[in-house]
Each structure stands twice: as C-alpha cells, then as structure tokens.
Amino acid sequence: MQISITSRRHSLSDHLREYVEKKIEKLGKYVQGAGEAHVVMERNDTGQIVEIRFHGLHKIMHVRELGDNVRGCIDKAVDKIEQQIKKQKEKLVEKRP
C-alpha cells in the first residue's frame, strides 16, 4: 500500500510519521496492497486538522477530523475511514453472484 503524508504549518516528527504509517498500514488488510492513502495534517487557529484520502476498492473515500490533540484526530480519522472501507467492501461482496 502506498502512503504519502503532508504536513502544513508545522514540522512532522519522525515519531509522528511512524505512528501515522502504522495506523494506515492496518487499512491495507482490506484491499490486499492495492490501496493508496494520502494523509494531510494541518495546524490552524482552531486546532489540528487531519484529512485522509483513500483510493481503494474502486472508490475514493475521504475523511476530515478536527481537534486539539493530533493523535486523537489521527485515531478518529482512521476509525472513520475504516468504517467506510468496510461498508464499501460489503457492498462489493454482496454484488458478487
């Protein structure tokens, strides 16, 4: 699975990069390595924003999470995108004869 991470308005530490990669890699079990994820982390006046755009299962899924804690935002965003992936996978399995 291909993962790209973009950080806006702050520097991204190696520890945080590894944390994001570890969380996103878990999504690969649903697409068997054929997925692509782009993570954008941004800091603004209201707090932290984490956006995940996931290409897989013949669909583009997008989620955006806003909060004060960047790790909390990452966890919530990954949970939301995982729910979307599961739902899409169930739809694909139901359509098969």
Protein backbone atom coordinates (compact mmCIF):
# COMPACT_ATOMS: atom_id res chain seq x y z
CA MET A 1 0.00 0.00 0.00
CA GLN A 2 1.30 3.41 -0.94
CA ILE A 3 1.17 6.11 1.75
CA SER A 4 2.01 9.80 1.37
CA ILE A 5 1.98 12.26 4.26
CA THR A 6 1.83 16.05 4.01
CA SER A 7 2.28 18.41 6.93
CA ARG A 8 1.15 22.04 6.75
CA ARG A 9 2.14 24.85 9.10
CA HIS A 10 4.27 22.64 11.38
CA SER A 11 7.11 20.19 11.14
CA LEU A 12 6.35 16.49 11.20
CA SER A 13 8.48 14.47 13.61
CA ASP A 14 9.73 11.01 12.68
CA HIS A 15 7.83 9.53 15.62
CA LEU A 16 4.52 11.01 14.41
CA ARG A 17 5.23 9.91 10.82
CA GLU A 18 5.79 6.33 12.01
CA TYR A 19 2.59 6.49 14.07
CA VAL A 20 0.55 7.57 11.03
CA GLU A 21 2.14 4.95 8.78
CA LYS A 22 1.45 2.20 11.32
CA LYS A 23 -2.22 3.22 11.59
CA ILE A 24 -2.71 3.48 7.82
CA GLU A 25 -0.92 0.18 7.13
CA LYS A 26 -3.66 -1.58 9.10
CA LEU A 27 -6.12 -0.49 6.41
CA GLY A 28 -4.16 -2.49 3.84
CA LYS A 29 -5.73 -5.74 5.05
CA TYR A 30 -8.99 -4.69 3.41
CA VAL A 31 -7.52 -4.02 -0.04
CA GLN A 32 -4.66 -6.57 -0.22
CA GLY A 33 -1.97 -3.97 -1.03
CA ALA A 34 -3.75 -2.27 -3.93
CA GLY A 35 -4.70 0.86 -2.00
CA GLU A 36 -3.25 4.33 -1.85
CA ALA A 37 -3.60 6.77 1.05
CA HIS A 38 -2.77 10.46 1.31
CA VAL A 39 -2.72 11.99 4.78
CA VAL A 40 -2.70 15.77 5.31
CA MET A 41 -2.03 17.12 8.78
CA GLU A 42 -2.51 20.83 9.34
CA ARG A 43 -2.34 23.17 12.30
CA ASN A 44 -4.50 26.30 12.33
CA ASP A 45 -6.04 28.72 14.83
CA THR A 46 -8.80 26.33 15.88
CA GLY A 47 -6.58 23.27 16.41
CA GLN A 48 -5.32 20.27 14.45
CA ILE A 49 -6.87 19.02 11.22
CA VAL A 50 -6.23 15.53 9.86
CA GLU A 51 -7.52 14.59 6.42
CA ILE A 52 -7.24 11.14 4.87
CA ARG A 53 -7.98 10.42 1.22
CA PHE A 54 -8.01 6.70 0.48
CA HIS A 55 -8.07 5.19 -3.01
CA GLY A 56 -9.10 1.56 -2.98
CA LEU A 57 -11.85 -0.91 -3.84
CA HIS A 58 -12.63 1.13 -6.98
CA LYS A 59 -13.63 4.15 -4.92
CA ILE A 60 -12.16 7.28 -3.37
CA MET A 61 -13.01 7.76 0.31
CA HIS A 62 -12.34 10.95 2.23
CA VAL A 63 -12.49 11.86 5.89
CA ARG A 64 -11.62 15.03 7.83
CA GLU A 65 -11.18 15.29 11.59
CA LEU A 66 -10.70 18.44 13.68
CA GLY A 67 -9.50 18.54 17.29
CA ASP A 68 -6.90 19.74 19.77
CA ASN A 69 -4.83 16.55 20.00
CA VAL A 70 -3.19 15.39 16.75
CA ARG A 71 -3.01 11.72 17.82
CA GLY A 72 -6.68 11.75 18.77
CA CYS A 73 -7.55 13.23 15.38
CA ILE A 74 -5.48 10.57 13.62
CA ASP A 75 -7.17 7.77 15.57
CA LYS A 76 -10.68 9.10 14.89
CA ALA A 77 -9.95 9.70 11.20
CA VAL A 78 -8.54 6.18 10.75
CA ASP A 79 -11.59 4.70 12.50
CA LYS A 80 -13.94 6.63 10.23
CA ILE A 81 -12.10 5.68 7.04
CA GLU A 82 -12.01 2.05 8.20
CA GLN A 83 -15.80 2.09 8.57
CA GLN A 84 -16.14 3.49 5.05
CA ILE A 85 -13.81 0.81 3.66
CA LYS A 86 -15.72 -1.98 5.43
CA LYS A 87 -19.02 -0.66 4.10
CA GLN A 88 -17.66 -0.46 0.55
CA LYS A 89 -16.19 -3.96 0.78
CA GLU A 90 -19.53 -5.35 2.00
CA LYS A 91 -21.26 -3.76 -0.99
CA LEU A 92 -18.77 -5.35 -3.38
CA VAL A 93 -19.15 -8.78 -1.76
CA GLU A 94 -22.97 -8.58 -1.85
CA LYS A 95 -22.94 -7.83 -5.61
CA ARG A 96 -20.99 -10.99 -6.44
CA PRO A 97 -23.15 -13.91 -7.61
